[in-house]
Amino acid sequence: MKQGITIQERLKDLRTERHLKLEELAATKISKSALGSYENDELKEISHKNLVELAKFYGVSTDYLLCLTENRNHPDMGLTELHLSDDMVGLLKSGRINNRLLCEIATHEDFVTLMTDTEIYVDGVAASHFQNFNSLLEVLRGQVLSQYQPVEEDTALKALEAMQIQEEDYFCQVTHRTWDAILHAIREAHKDDTDSAPDNSNAIKLIKDAKKALAVPGSYLDVFTALMCTQLQIRYEKLTEQERTVLKNVMKKTPAYKDSPLSRMKRR
């Protein structure tokens, strides 16, 4: 997930979240082709007039369209109203974390639950209840031991011991479950983003190239040379025999081939 958003992405997001097609922006008096280029062409310059028209149409500020602010509804919110510490403000301004991701986490519907459970644990609100419950179980366990003298493997005795709950364990489980739900939801929301996962196209291309190279007749040195030619955009099959021989002699000297299992294998 990217740290920031471009003007093109912002315009497209504003339109798609309203389920509008480009044709439905006719009220702006901006042509469909211009609107399309505004959303897709990073080099397309938006005139001041059209920028103001789009801001009016979407009901946002021009600063919001220009990605100068993330605040659509609270452009003049003061820091004092947010009760943020200097350290928090410094962190948000530092660029060390992804502020957009932090905002999505904090505005998720389960985040309030996560914060409530965290506050209960940090303030020790439930600590005495856990202690009282565990003490009661320990008393019951002591009574069972003194009155019935059960064997160590006694099921009831083991159950009384297992029922004791540590405050840390309980809240770790509760908060972990909520945290997992939040992260999963955000990941699902961004699964189609072009920048949410590494581009595997290079890896896929390399696999295809390797399979093609393996079909080359000759030794594994021929295969290795053919693969290197593919990476360098040289058509191995178009080379003369003399050119192939020269290339193979060069490839023999590269650490990439020397350290490769191919150099120690013979083709059948």
C-alpha atoms as a PDB file:
ATOM      1  CA  MET A   1       0.000   0.000   0.000  1.00  0.00           C
ATOM      2  CA  LYS A   2       1.452   3.336  -1.079  1.00  0.00           C
ATOM      3  CA  GLN A   3       2.194   6.121   1.381  1.00  0.00           C
ATOM      4  CA  GLY A   4       0.492   8.798  -0.712  1.00  0.00           C
ATOM      5  CA  ILE A   5      -2.032   9.105  -3.494  1.00  0.00           C
ATOM      6  CA  THR A   6      -1.803  10.862  -6.849  1.00  0.00           C
ATOM      7  CA  ILE A   7      -4.234  13.417  -8.274  1.00  0.00           C
ATOM      8  CA  GLN A   8      -5.227  10.864 -10.914  1.00  0.00           C
ATOM      9  CA  GLU A   9      -6.053   8.261  -8.256  1.00  0.00           C
ATOM     10  CA  ARG A  10      -7.954  10.780  -6.157  1.00  0.00           C
ATOM     11  CA  LEU A  11     -10.143  11.838  -9.070  1.00  0.00           C
ATOM     12  CA  LYS A  12     -10.854   8.240  -9.994  1.00  0.00           C
ATOM     13  CA  ASP A  13     -11.609   7.299  -6.374  1.00  0.00           C
ATOM     14  CA  LEU A  14     -14.082  10.187  -6.008  1.00  0.00           C
ATOM     15  CA  ARG A  15     -15.897   9.113  -9.151  1.00  0.00           C
ATOM     16  CA  THR A  16     -15.957   5.363  -8.558  1.00  0.00           C
ATOM     17  CA  GLU A  17     -17.061   5.645  -4.929  1.00  0.00           C
ATOM     18  CA  ARG A  18     -20.134   7.460  -6.255  1.00  0.00           C
ATOM     19  CA  HIS A  19     -20.607   4.749  -8.916  1.00  0.00           C
ATOM     20  CA  LEU A  20     -20.449   7.326 -11.710  1.00  0.00           C
ATOM     21  CA  LYS A  21     -19.316   6.945 -15.304  1.00  0.00           C
ATOM     22  CA  LEU A  22     -17.322   9.665 -17.042  1.00  0.00           C
ATOM     23  CA  GLU A  23     -20.408  10.591 -19.077  1.00  0.00           C
ATOM     24  CA  GLU A  24     -22.253  11.385 -15.852  1.00  0.00           C
ATOM     25  CA  LEU A  25     -19.855  14.235 -15.074  1.00  0.00           C
ATOM     26  CA  ALA A  26     -21.476  16.362 -17.796  1.00  0.00           C
ATOM     27  CA  ALA A  27     -22.481  18.958 -15.176  1.00  0.00           C
ATOM     28  CA  THR A  28     -18.824  19.976 -14.940  1.00  0.00           C
ATOM     29  CA  LYS A  29     -18.886  20.948 -18.654  1.00  0.00           C
ATOM     30  CA  ILE A  30     -15.567  19.120 -19.069  1.00  0.00           C
ATOM     31  CA  SER A  31     -15.234  16.754 -22.040  1.00  0.00           C
ATOM     32  CA  LYS A  32     -15.194  13.006 -21.478  1.00  0.00           C
ATOM     33  CA  SER A  33     -11.751  12.700 -23.093  1.00  0.00           C
ATOM     34  CA  ALA A  34     -10.320  15.374 -20.794  1.00  0.00           C
ATOM     35  CA  LEU A  35     -11.864  13.714 -17.720  1.00  0.00           C
ATOM     36  CA  GLY A  36     -10.402  10.369 -18.771  1.00  0.00           C
ATOM     37  CA  SER A  37      -6.951  11.852 -19.258  1.00  0.00           C
ATOM     38  CA  TYR A  38      -7.134  13.578 -15.864  1.00  0.00           C
ATOM     39  CA  GLU A  39      -7.624  10.154 -14.253  1.00  0.00           C
ATOM     40  CA  ASN A  40      -5.005   8.281 -16.237  1.00  0.00           C
ATOM     41  CA  ASP A  41      -2.333  10.612 -17.570  1.00  0.00           C
ATOM     42  CA  GLU A  42       0.130  11.836 -14.935  1.00  0.00           C
ATOM     43  CA  LEU A  43       1.476  14.434 -17.359  1.00  0.00           C
ATOM     44  CA  LYS A  44      -1.927  15.897 -18.211  1.00  0.00           C
ATOM     45  CA  GLU A  45      -2.236  19.400 -16.783  1.00  0.00           C
ATOM     46  CA  ILE A  46      -5.577  20.328 -15.224  1.00  0.00           C
ATOM     47  CA  SER A  47      -6.621  23.927 -15.750  1.00  0.00           C
ATOM     48  CA  HIS A  48      -7.569  26.028 -12.730  1.00  0.00           C
ATOM     49  CA  LYS A  49     -11.136  26.376 -14.054  1.00  0.00           C
ATOM     50  CA  ASN A  50     -11.606  22.614 -14.447  1.00  0.00           C
ATOM     51  CA  LEU A  51     -10.022  21.963 -11.069  1.00  0.00           C
ATOM     52  CA  VAL A  52     -12.539  24.280  -9.405  1.00  0.00           C
ATOM     53  CA  GLU A  53     -15.407  22.681 -11.354  1.00  0.00           C
ATOM     54  CA  LEU A  54     -14.405  19.187 -10.241  1.00  0.00           C
ATOM     55  CA  ALA A  55     -14.016  20.317  -6.621  1.00  0.00           C
ATOM     56  CA  LYS A  56     -17.534  21.821  -6.725  1.00  0.00           C
ATOM     57  CA  PHE A  57     -18.980  18.707  -8.359  1.00  0.00           C
ATOM     58  CA  TYR A  58     -17.504  16.360  -5.743  1.00  0.00           C
ATOM     59  CA  GLY A  59     -18.037  18.749  -2.832  1.00  0.00           C
ATOM     60  CA  VAL A  60     -14.408  18.833  -1.758  1.00  0.00           C
ATOM     61  CA  SER A  61     -11.681  21.457  -1.581  1.00  0.00           C
ATOM     62  CA  THR A  62      -9.182  21.995  -4.379  1.00  0.00           C
ATOM     63  CA  ASP A  63      -6.455  21.178  -1.841  1.00  0.00           C
ATOM     64  CA  TYR A  64      -8.069  17.768  -1.412  1.00  0.00           C
ATOM     65  CA  LEU A  65      -8.105  17.191  -5.174  1.00  0.00           C
ATOM     66  CA  LEU A  66      -4.460  18.244  -5.386  1.00  0.00           C
ATOM     67  CA  CYS A  67      -3.558  15.794  -2.573  1.00  0.00           C
ATOM     68  CA  LEU A  68      -2.330  18.639  -0.394  1.00  0.00           C
ATOM     69  CA  THR A  69      -4.573  17.386   2.418  1.00  0.00           C
ATOM     70  CA  GLU A  70      -6.220  14.105   3.387  1.00  0.00           C
ATOM     71  CA  ASN A  71      -9.058  15.925   5.144  1.00  0.00           C
ATOM     72  CA  ARG A  72     -12.195  16.025   3.049  1.00  0.00           C
ATOM     73  CA  ASN A  73     -14.644  17.074   5.746  1.00  0.00           C
ATOM     74  CA  HIS A  74     -12.425  18.659   8.406  1.00  0.00           C
ATOM     75  CA  PRO A  75      -9.924  20.857   6.546  1.00  0.00           C
ATOM     76  CA  ASP A  76      -9.331  23.272   9.444  1.00  0.00           C
ATOM     77  CA  MET A  77      -9.146  20.787  12.315  1.00  0.00           C
ATOM     78  CA  GLY A  78      -6.669  21.970  14.957  1.00  0.00           C
ATOM     79  CA  LEU A  79      -4.144  19.662  16.595  1.00  0.00           C
ATOM     80  CA  THR A  80      -5.406  20.590  20.061  1.00  0.00           C
ATOM     81  CA  GLU A  81      -8.805  19.123  19.210  1.00  0.00           C
ATOM     82  CA  LEU A  82      -7.172  15.806  18.355  1.00  0.00           C
ATOM     83  CA  HIS A  83      -5.266  15.522  21.656  1.00  0.00           C
ATOM     84  CA  LEU A  84      -2.142  14.303  19.889  1.00  0.00           C
ATOM     85  CA  SER A  85       1.168  14.360  21.717  1.00  0.00           C
ATOM     86  CA  ASP A  86       4.262  16.003  20.252  1.00  0.00           C
ATOM     87  CA  ASP A  87       5.763  12.547  19.752  1.00  0.00           C
ATOM     88  CA  MET A  88       2.712  11.409  17.763  1.00  0.00           C
ATOM     89  CA  VAL A  89       2.717  14.523  15.591  1.00  0.00           C
ATOM     90  CA  GLY A  90       6.435  14.056  15.006  1.00  0.00           C
ATOM     91  CA  LEU A  91       5.923  10.440  14.005  1.00  0.00           C
ATOM     92  CA  LEU A  92       3.120  11.298  11.578  1.00  0.00           C
ATOM     93  CA  LYS A  93       5.256  14.000   9.960  1.00  0.00           C
ATOM     94  CA  SER A  94       8.433  11.912   9.840  1.00  0.00           C
ATOM     95  CA  GLY A  95       7.423   9.668   6.948  1.00  0.00           C
ATOM     96  CA  ARG A  96       8.639   6.621   8.884  1.00  0.00           C
ATOM     97  CA  ILE A  97       5.200   5.017   8.848  1.00  0.00           C
ATOM     98  CA  ASN A  98       2.447   4.733   6.255  1.00  0.00           C
ATOM     99  CA  ASN A  99      -0.078   7.315   7.482  1.00  0.00           C
ATOM    100  CA  ARG A 100      -2.714   6.174   4.986  1.00  0.00           C
ATOM    101  CA  LEU A 101      -2.548   2.639   6.322  1.00  0.00           C
ATOM    102  CA  LEU A 102      -2.683   3.899   9.906  1.00  0.00           C
ATOM    103  CA  CYS A 103      -5.838   5.861   9.056  1.00  0.00           C
ATOM    104  CA  GLU A 104      -7.494   2.776   7.556  1.00  0.00           C
ATOM    105  CA  ILE A 105      -6.652   0.734  10.639  1.00  0.00           C
ATOM    106  CA  ALA A 106      -7.955   3.400  13.023  1.00  0.00           C
ATOM    107  CA  THR A 107     -11.200   3.946  11.083  1.00  0.00           C
ATOM    108  CA  HIS A 108     -12.029   0.236  10.776  1.00  0.00           C
ATOM    109  CA  GLU A 109     -15.258  -0.653  12.568  1.00  0.00           C
ATOM    110  CA  ASP A 110     -13.484  -3.065  14.939  1.00  0.00           C
ATOM    111  CA  PHE A 111     -10.768  -0.619  15.972  1.00  0.00           C
ATOM    112  CA  VAL A 112     -12.877   0.889  18.770  1.00  0.00           C
ATOM    113  CA  THR A 113     -13.307  -2.638  20.190  1.00  0.00           C
ATOM    114  CA  LEU A 114      -9.552  -3.190  19.976  1.00  0.00           C
ATOM    115  CA  MET A 115      -8.870   0.085  21.790  1.00  0.00           C
ATOM    116  CA  THR A 116     -11.483  -0.670  24.465  1.00  0.00           C
ATOM    117  CA  ASP A 117      -9.972  -4.090  25.234  1.00  0.00           C
ATOM    118  CA  THR A 118      -6.482  -2.566  25.191  1.00  0.00           C
ATOM    119  CA  GLU A 119      -7.516   0.181  27.605  1.00  0.00           C
ATOM    120  CA  ILE A 120      -9.099  -2.352  29.965  1.00  0.00           C
ATOM    121  CA  TYR A 121      -5.846  -4.309  30.028  1.00  0.00           C
ATOM    122  CA  VAL A 122      -3.530  -1.277  30.342  1.00  0.00           C
ATOM    123  CA  ASP A 123      -5.597   0.244  33.166  1.00  0.00           C
ATOM    124  CA  GLY A 124      -5.847  -3.103  34.951  1.00  0.00           C
ATOM    125  CA  VAL A 125      -9.631  -2.740  35.198  1.00  0.00           C
ATOM    126  CA  ALA A 126     -10.244  -6.494  35.135  1.00  0.00           C
ATOM    127  CA  ALA A 127      -7.138  -7.556  37.074  1.00  0.00           C
ATOM    128  CA  SER A 128      -8.930  -7.991  40.407  1.00  0.00           C
ATOM    129  CA  HIS A 129     -11.684 -10.077  38.764  1.00  0.00           C
ATOM    130  CA  PHE A 130      -9.110 -12.472  37.301  1.00  0.00           C
ATOM    131  CA  GLN A 131      -7.341 -12.716  40.652  1.00  0.00           C
ATOM    132  CA  ASN A 132     -10.601 -13.412  42.522  1.00  0.00           C
ATOM    133  CA  PHE A 133     -11.685 -16.042  39.996  1.00  0.00           C
ATOM    134  CA  ASN A 134      -8.316 -17.810  40.058  1.00  0.00           C
ATOM    135  CA  SER A 135      -8.214 -17.664  43.875  1.00  0.00           C
ATOM    136  CA  LEU A 136     -11.659 -19.277  44.050  1.00  0.00           C
ATOM    137  CA  LEU A 137     -10.543 -22.068  41.742  1.00  0.00           C
ATOM    138  CA  GLU A 138      -7.428 -22.596  43.847  1.00  0.00           C
ATOM    139  CA  VAL A 139      -9.540 -22.865  47.012  1.00  0.00           C
ATOM    140  CA  LEU A 140     -11.808 -25.425  45.341  1.00  0.00           C
ATOM    141  CA  ARG A 141      -8.770 -27.345  44.148  1.00  0.00           C
ATOM    142  CA  GLY A 142      -7.352 -27.340  47.687  1.00  0.00           C
ATOM    143  CA  GLN A 143     -10.644 -28.683  49.075  1.00  0.00           C
ATOM    144  CA  VAL A 144     -10.665 -31.495  46.530  1.00  0.00           C
ATOM    145  CA  LEU A 145      -7.105 -32.413  47.453  1.00  0.00           C
ATOM    146  CA  SER A 146      -7.744 -32.386  51.193  1.00  0.00           C
ATOM    147  CA  GLN A 147     -11.104 -34.185  51.190  1.00  0.00           C
ATOM    148  CA  TYR A 148     -10.780 -36.713  48.394  1.00  0.00           C
ATOM    149  CA  GLN A 149      -7.016 -37.098  47.921  1.00  0.00           C
ATOM    150  CA  PRO A 150      -7.348 -37.832  44.199  1.00  0.00           C
ATOM    151  CA  VAL A 151      -4.561 -39.115  42.017  1.00  0.00           C
ATOM    152  CA  GLU A 152      -2.563 -36.597  39.990  1.00  0.00           C
ATOM    153  CA  GLU A 153      -4.323 -37.624  36.777  1.00  0.00           C
ATOM    154  CA  ASP A 154      -7.786 -36.909  38.217  1.00  0.00           C
ATOM    155  CA  THR A 155      -9.893 -35.235  35.505  1.00  0.00           C
ATOM    156  CA  ALA A 156     -11.815 -32.898  37.819  1.00  0.00           C
ATOM    157  CA  LEU A 157      -8.626 -31.757  39.516  1.00  0.00           C
ATOM    158  CA  LYS A 158      -6.977 -31.094  36.156  1.00  0.00           C
ATOM    159  CA  ALA A 159     -10.063 -29.189  35.014  1.00  0.00           C
ATOM    160  CA  LEU A 160      -9.925 -26.859  38.052  1.00  0.00           C
ATOM    161  CA  GLU A 161      -6.288 -26.148  37.275  1.00  0.00           C
ATOM    162  CA  ALA A 162      -6.929 -25.594  33.576  1.00  0.00           C
ATOM    163  CA  MET A 163      -9.785 -23.181  34.279  1.00  0.00           C
ATOM    164  CA  GLN A 164      -7.434 -20.649  35.813  1.00  0.00           C
ATOM    165  CA  ILE A 165      -6.987 -17.754  33.397  1.00  0.00           C
ATOM    166  CA  GLN A 166      -4.062 -15.379  33.284  1.00  0.00           C
ATOM    167  CA  GLU A 167      -5.025 -11.807  32.500  1.00  0.00           C
ATOM    168  CA  GLU A 168      -2.203 -11.425  29.951  1.00  0.00           C
ATOM    169  CA  ASP A 169      -3.189 -14.591  28.096  1.00  0.00           C
ATOM    170  CA  TYR A 170      -6.836 -13.603  27.931  1.00  0.00           C
ATOM    171  CA  PHE A 171      -6.281 -10.105  26.568  1.00  0.00           C
ATOM    172  CA  CYS A 172      -3.584 -11.271  24.149  1.00  0.00           C
ATOM    173  CA  GLN A 173      -6.090 -13.698  22.643  1.00  0.00           C
ATOM    174  CA  VAL A 174      -8.908 -11.146  22.526  1.00  0.00           C
ATOM    175  CA  THR A 175      -6.874  -8.316  21.008  1.00  0.00           C
ATOM    176  CA  HIS A 176      -5.073 -10.666  18.639  1.00  0.00           C
ATOM    177  CA  ARG A 177      -8.378 -11.904  17.234  1.00  0.00           C
ATOM    178  CA  THR A 178      -9.668  -8.352  16.673  1.00  0.00           C
ATOM    179  CA  TRP A 179      -6.344  -7.218  15.223  1.00  0.00           C
ATOM    180  CA  ASP A 180      -6.347 -10.154  12.783  1.00  0.00           C
ATOM    181  CA  ALA A 181      -9.867  -9.265  11.630  1.00  0.00           C
ATOM    182  CA  ILE A 182      -8.870  -5.644  10.980  1.00  0.00           C
ATOM    183  CA  LEU A 183      -5.733  -6.553   9.028  1.00  0.00           C
ATOM    184  CA  HIS A 184      -7.551  -9.204   7.000  1.00  0.00           C
ATOM    185  CA  ALA A 185     -10.311  -6.754   6.030  1.00  0.00           C
ATOM    186  CA  ILE A 186      -7.826  -4.083   4.947  1.00  0.00           C
ATOM    187  CA  ARG A 187      -5.773  -6.603   2.992  1.00  0.00           C
ATOM    188  CA  GLU A 188      -8.907  -7.793   1.188  1.00  0.00           C
ATOM    189  CA  ALA A 189      -9.848  -4.186   0.386  1.00  0.00           C
ATOM    190  CA  HIS A 190      -6.477  -3.659  -1.300  1.00  0.00           C
ATOM    191  CA  LYS A 191      -5.949  -7.062  -2.922  1.00  0.00           C
ATOM    192  CA  ASP A 192      -6.529  -5.615  -6.405  1.00  0.00           C
ATOM    193  CA  ASP A 193      -4.226  -2.626  -5.930  1.00  0.00           C
ATOM    194  CA  THR A 194      -1.317  -2.692  -8.373  1.00  0.00           C
ATOM    195  CA  ASP A 195       1.142  -1.869  -5.575  1.00  0.00           C
ATOM    196  CA  SER A 196      -0.221  -4.199  -2.892  1.00  0.00           C
ATOM    197  CA  ALA A 197       1.815  -7.192  -3.969  1.00  0.00           C
ATOM    198  CA  PRO A 198       5.180  -7.532  -5.641  1.00  0.00           C
ATOM    199  CA  ASP A 199       5.114  -7.676  -9.420  1.00  0.00           C
ATOM    200  CA  ASN A 200       5.695 -11.309 -10.269  1.00  0.00           C
ATOM    201  CA  SER A 201       5.775 -10.682 -14.014  1.00  0.00           C
ATOM    202  CA  ASN A 202       9.590 -10.752 -14.092  1.00  0.00           C
ATOM    203  CA  ALA A 203       9.660 -14.031 -12.189  1.00  0.00           C
ATOM    204  CA  ILE A 204       7.041 -15.549 -14.487  1.00  0.00           C
ATOM    205  CA  LYS A 205       8.943 -14.364 -17.557  1.00  0.00           C
ATOM    206  CA  LEU A 206      12.176 -15.865 -16.199  1.00  0.00           C
ATOM    207  CA  ILE A 207      10.469 -19.223 -15.685  1.00  0.00           C
ATOM    208  CA  LYS A 208       9.133 -19.157 -19.261  1.00  0.00           C
ATOM    209  CA  ASP A 209      12.554 -18.192 -20.592  1.00  0.00           C
ATOM    210  CA  ALA A 210      14.191 -21.007 -18.599  1.00  0.00           C
ATOM    211  CA  LYS A 211      11.733 -23.575 -19.981  1.00  0.00           C
ATOM    212  CA  LYS A 212      12.425 -22.353 -23.499  1.00  0.00           C
ATOM    213  CA  ALA A 213      16.194 -22.503 -22.916  1.00  0.00           C
ATOM    214  CA  LEU A 214      15.958 -26.092 -21.648  1.00  0.00           C
ATOM    215  CA  ALA A 215      14.634 -27.075 -25.057  1.00  0.00           C
ATOM    216  CA  VAL A 216      17.872 -25.905 -26.686  1.00  0.00           C
ATOM    217  CA  PRO A 217      19.880 -28.923 -27.946  1.00  0.00           C
ATOM    218  CA  GLY A 218      23.403 -29.496 -26.677  1.00  0.00           C
ATOM    219  CA  SER A 219      25.041 -29.270 -23.267  1.00  0.00           C
ATOM    220  CA  TYR A 220      23.872 -27.359 -20.216  1.00  0.00           C
ATOM    221  CA  LEU A 221      26.381 -24.696 -21.205  1.00  0.00           C
ATOM    222  CA  ASP A 222      24.287 -24.230 -24.349  1.00  0.00           C
ATOM    223  CA  VAL A 223      21.177 -23.936 -22.164  1.00  0.00           C
ATOM    224  CA  PHE A 224      22.845 -21.401 -19.871  1.00  0.00           C
ATOM    225  CA  THR A 225      24.096 -19.347 -22.815  1.00  0.00           C
ATOM    226  CA  ALA A 226      20.677 -19.396 -24.470  1.00  0.00           C
ATOM    227  CA  LEU A 227      19.067 -18.203 -21.235  1.00  0.00           C
ATOM    228  CA  MET A 228      21.563 -15.361 -20.850  1.00  0.00           C
ATOM    229  CA  CYS A 229      20.937 -14.338 -24.448  1.00  0.00           C
ATOM    230  CA  THR A 230      17.225 -14.165 -23.734  1.00  0.00           C
ATOM    231  CA  GLN A 231      17.844 -11.871 -20.762  1.00  0.00           C
ATOM    232  CA  LEU A 232      19.989  -9.660 -22.993  1.00  0.00           C
ATOM    233  CA  GLN A 233      17.317  -9.735 -25.724  1.00  0.00           C
ATOM    234  CA  ILE A 234      19.620 -11.588 -28.120  1.00  0.00           C
ATOM    235  CA  ARG A 235      18.015 -14.259 -30.309  1.00  0.00           C
ATOM    236  CA  TYR A 236      20.212 -17.285 -29.643  1.00  0.00           C
ATOM    237  CA  GLU A 237      18.784 -19.246 -32.563  1.00  0.00           C
ATOM    238  CA  LYS A 238      19.833 -16.477 -34.979  1.00  0.00           C
ATOM    239  CA  LEU A 239      23.490 -16.570 -33.914  1.00  0.00           C
ATOM    240  CA  THR A 240      26.066 -18.294 -36.089  1.00  0.00           C
ATOM    241  CA  GLU A 241      27.886 -21.324 -34.748  1.00  0.00           C
ATOM    242  CA  GLN A 242      31.028 -19.247 -34.365  1.00  0.00           C
ATOM    243  CA  GLU A 243      29.168 -16.573 -32.365  1.00  0.00           C
ATOM    244  CA  ARG A 244      27.686 -19.253 -30.108  1.00  0.00           C
ATOM    245  CA  THR A 245      31.114 -20.767 -29.499  1.00  0.00           C
ATOM    246  CA  VAL A 246      32.563 -17.381 -28.522  1.00  0.00           C
ATOM    247  CA  LEU A 247      29.647 -16.711 -26.187  1.00  0.00           C
ATOM    248  CA  LYS A 248      29.914 -20.132 -24.548  1.00  0.00           C
ATOM    249  CA  ASN A 249      33.617 -19.640 -23.905  1.00  0.00           C
ATOM    250  CA  VAL A 250      32.786 -16.337 -22.210  1.00  0.00           C
ATOM    251  CA  MET A 251      29.976 -17.902 -20.186  1.00  0.00           C
ATOM    252  CA  LYS A 252      32.314 -20.614 -18.886  1.00  0.00           C
ATOM    253  CA  LYS A 253      34.252 -17.915 -17.057  1.00  0.00           C
ATOM    254  CA  THR A 254      31.283 -16.293 -15.294  1.00  0.00           C
ATOM    255  CA  PRO A 255      30.763 -17.105 -11.583  1.00  0.00           C
ATOM    256  CA  ALA A 256      27.043 -17.394 -12.349  1.00  0.00           C
ATOM    257  CA  TYR A 257      27.743 -20.483 -14.451  1.00  0.00           C
ATOM    258  CA  LYS A 258      30.631 -21.851 -12.382  1.00  0.00           C
ATOM    259  CA  ASP A 259      28.518 -21.774  -9.212  1.00  0.00           C
ATOM    260  CA  SER A 260      25.485 -23.142 -10.991  1.00  0.00           C
ATOM    261  CA  PRO A 261      24.502 -26.839 -10.732  1.00  0.00           C
ATOM    262  CA  LEU A 262      24.380 -26.741 -14.544  1.00  0.00           C
ATOM    263  CA  SER A 263      28.173 -26.626 -14.702  1.00  0.00           C
ATOM    264  CA  ARG A 264      28.390 -29.990 -12.931  1.00  0.00           C
ATOM    265  CA  MET A 265      25.660 -31.741 -14.891  1.00  0.00           C
ATOM    266  CA  LYS A 266      25.675 -33.614 -18.145  1.00  0.00           C
ATOM    267  CA  ARG A 267      22.695 -33.829 -20.425  1.00  0.00           C
ATOM    268  CA  ARG A 268      21.489 -37.206 -21.479  1.00  0.00           C
END
